[in-house]
Amino acid sequence: MRSVVILLCAWVLWADMGSLDGGWGPIRAHPGQADCESYRERYVSALKTNGFRPVVNDAPFPLRQDKVYFMQLLCLPDTVDPRGPRR
């Protein structure tokens, strides 16, 4: 009898708020990469609707509103933590 292993990998939308605001933090988990990327696009649109603007004209990031920055928004597999290894 053969064993079948099915690996399910969630994808997480991460935000880099810059070193002054604590760096990387998870925003939301998704069942797949396409779902995460789609949500990322909607999230960026919502940020812009709510007053976030590019620091440099026509650059996608960083976005800024007053003293709040979004340096990057990335979708990564749940096995990857952009904060690095745990100590």
Protein backbone atom coordinates (compact mmCIF):
# COMPACT_ATOMS: atom_id res chain seq x y z
CA MET A 1 0.00 0.00 0.00
CA ARG A 2 1.33 3.42 -0.96
CA SER A 3 1.07 6.46 1.23
CA VAL A 4 0.05 9.68 -0.40
CA VAL A 5 1.24 12.89 1.13
CA ILE A 6 -0.52 16.08 0.19
CA LEU A 7 1.29 19.23 1.13
CA LEU A 8 -0.90 22.24 1.63
CA CYS A 9 0.87 25.54 1.70
CA ALA A 10 -0.81 28.72 2.75
CA TRP A 11 0.44 32.08 1.54
CA VAL A 12 0.77 35.07 3.81
CA LEU A 13 0.64 38.75 2.90
CA TRP A 14 3.43 40.48 4.83
CA ALA A 15 3.91 44.22 5.29
CA ASP A 16 7.23 45.90 5.96
CA MET A 17 6.37 48.99 7.99
CA GLY A 18 9.99 50.11 8.19
CA SER A 19 12.40 49.91 11.07
CA LEU A 20 10.69 52.70 13.04
CA ASP A 21 7.35 50.89 13.07
CA GLY A 22 8.55 47.40 13.93
CA GLY A 23 9.52 46.04 10.54
CA TRP A 24 7.70 43.05 9.06
CA GLY A 25 4.29 41.88 10.22
CA PRO A 26 1.71 39.47 8.78
CA ILE A 27 -1.47 40.98 7.33
CA ARG A 28 -3.52 37.96 6.25
CA ALA A 29 -3.14 34.30 5.25
CA HIS A 30 -4.58 32.87 2.01
CA PRO A 31 -5.06 29.35 0.66
CA GLY A 32 -2.90 29.97 -2.41
CA GLN A 33 -0.48 32.34 -4.09
CA ALA A 34 -3.01 33.69 -6.60
CA ASP A 35 -5.45 34.52 -3.79
CA CYS A 36 -2.70 36.30 -1.88
CA GLU A 37 -1.54 38.33 -4.89
CA SER A 38 -5.12 39.33 -5.69
CA TYR A 39 -5.68 40.44 -2.11
CA ARG A 40 -2.38 42.36 -2.19
CA GLU A 41 -3.59 44.39 -5.17
CA ARG A 42 -6.88 45.17 -3.41
CA TYR A 43 -5.00 46.08 -0.23
CA VAL A 44 -2.74 48.53 -2.09
CA SER A 45 -5.79 50.09 -3.77
CA ALA A 46 -7.47 50.48 -0.38
CA LEU A 47 -4.34 52.13 1.05
CA LYS A 48 -4.31 54.64 -1.81
CA THR A 49 -8.04 55.28 -1.40
CA ASN A 50 -7.39 56.03 2.26
CA GLY A 51 -4.72 58.64 1.60
CA PHE A 52 -1.47 56.69 1.24
CA ARG A 53 0.72 58.10 -1.52
CA PRO A 54 4.01 57.04 -3.13
CA VAL A 55 7.08 58.67 -1.60
CA VAL A 56 8.62 58.78 -5.08
CA ASN A 57 6.29 59.60 -7.98
CA ASP A 58 5.11 56.51 -9.90
CA ALA A 59 7.01 54.09 -7.64
CA PRO A 60 4.86 51.31 -6.17
CA PHE A 61 6.59 51.53 -2.76
CA PRO A 62 7.14 52.96 -0.27
CA LEU A 63 3.69 54.37 0.42
CA ARG A 64 3.28 57.04 3.07
CA GLN A 65 0.52 58.75 4.99
CA ASP A 66 1.75 61.24 7.59
CA LYS A 67 4.25 59.23 9.66
CA VAL A 68 3.02 55.76 8.63
CA TYR A 69 4.96 53.95 5.92
CA PHE A 70 4.41 50.74 3.99
CA MET A 71 7.86 49.92 2.65
CA GLN A 72 6.83 46.67 0.94
CA LEU A 73 3.93 44.23 0.71
CA LEU A 74 4.92 40.68 -0.19
CA CYS A 75 3.10 37.37 -0.56
CA LEU A 76 5.23 34.54 0.76
CA PRO A 77 4.63 30.85 1.49
CA ASP A 78 3.78 30.23 5.13
CA THR A 79 7.13 28.45 5.46
CA VAL A 80 9.00 31.72 4.82
CA ASP A 81 9.28 34.40 7.48
CA PRO A 82 10.81 37.66 6.21
CA ARG A 83 11.87 38.52 9.76
CA GLY A 84 14.50 35.80 9.53
CA PRO A 85 15.13 32.74 11.71
CA ARG A 86 13.82 32.63 15.26
CA ARG A 87 16.45 32.94 17.93
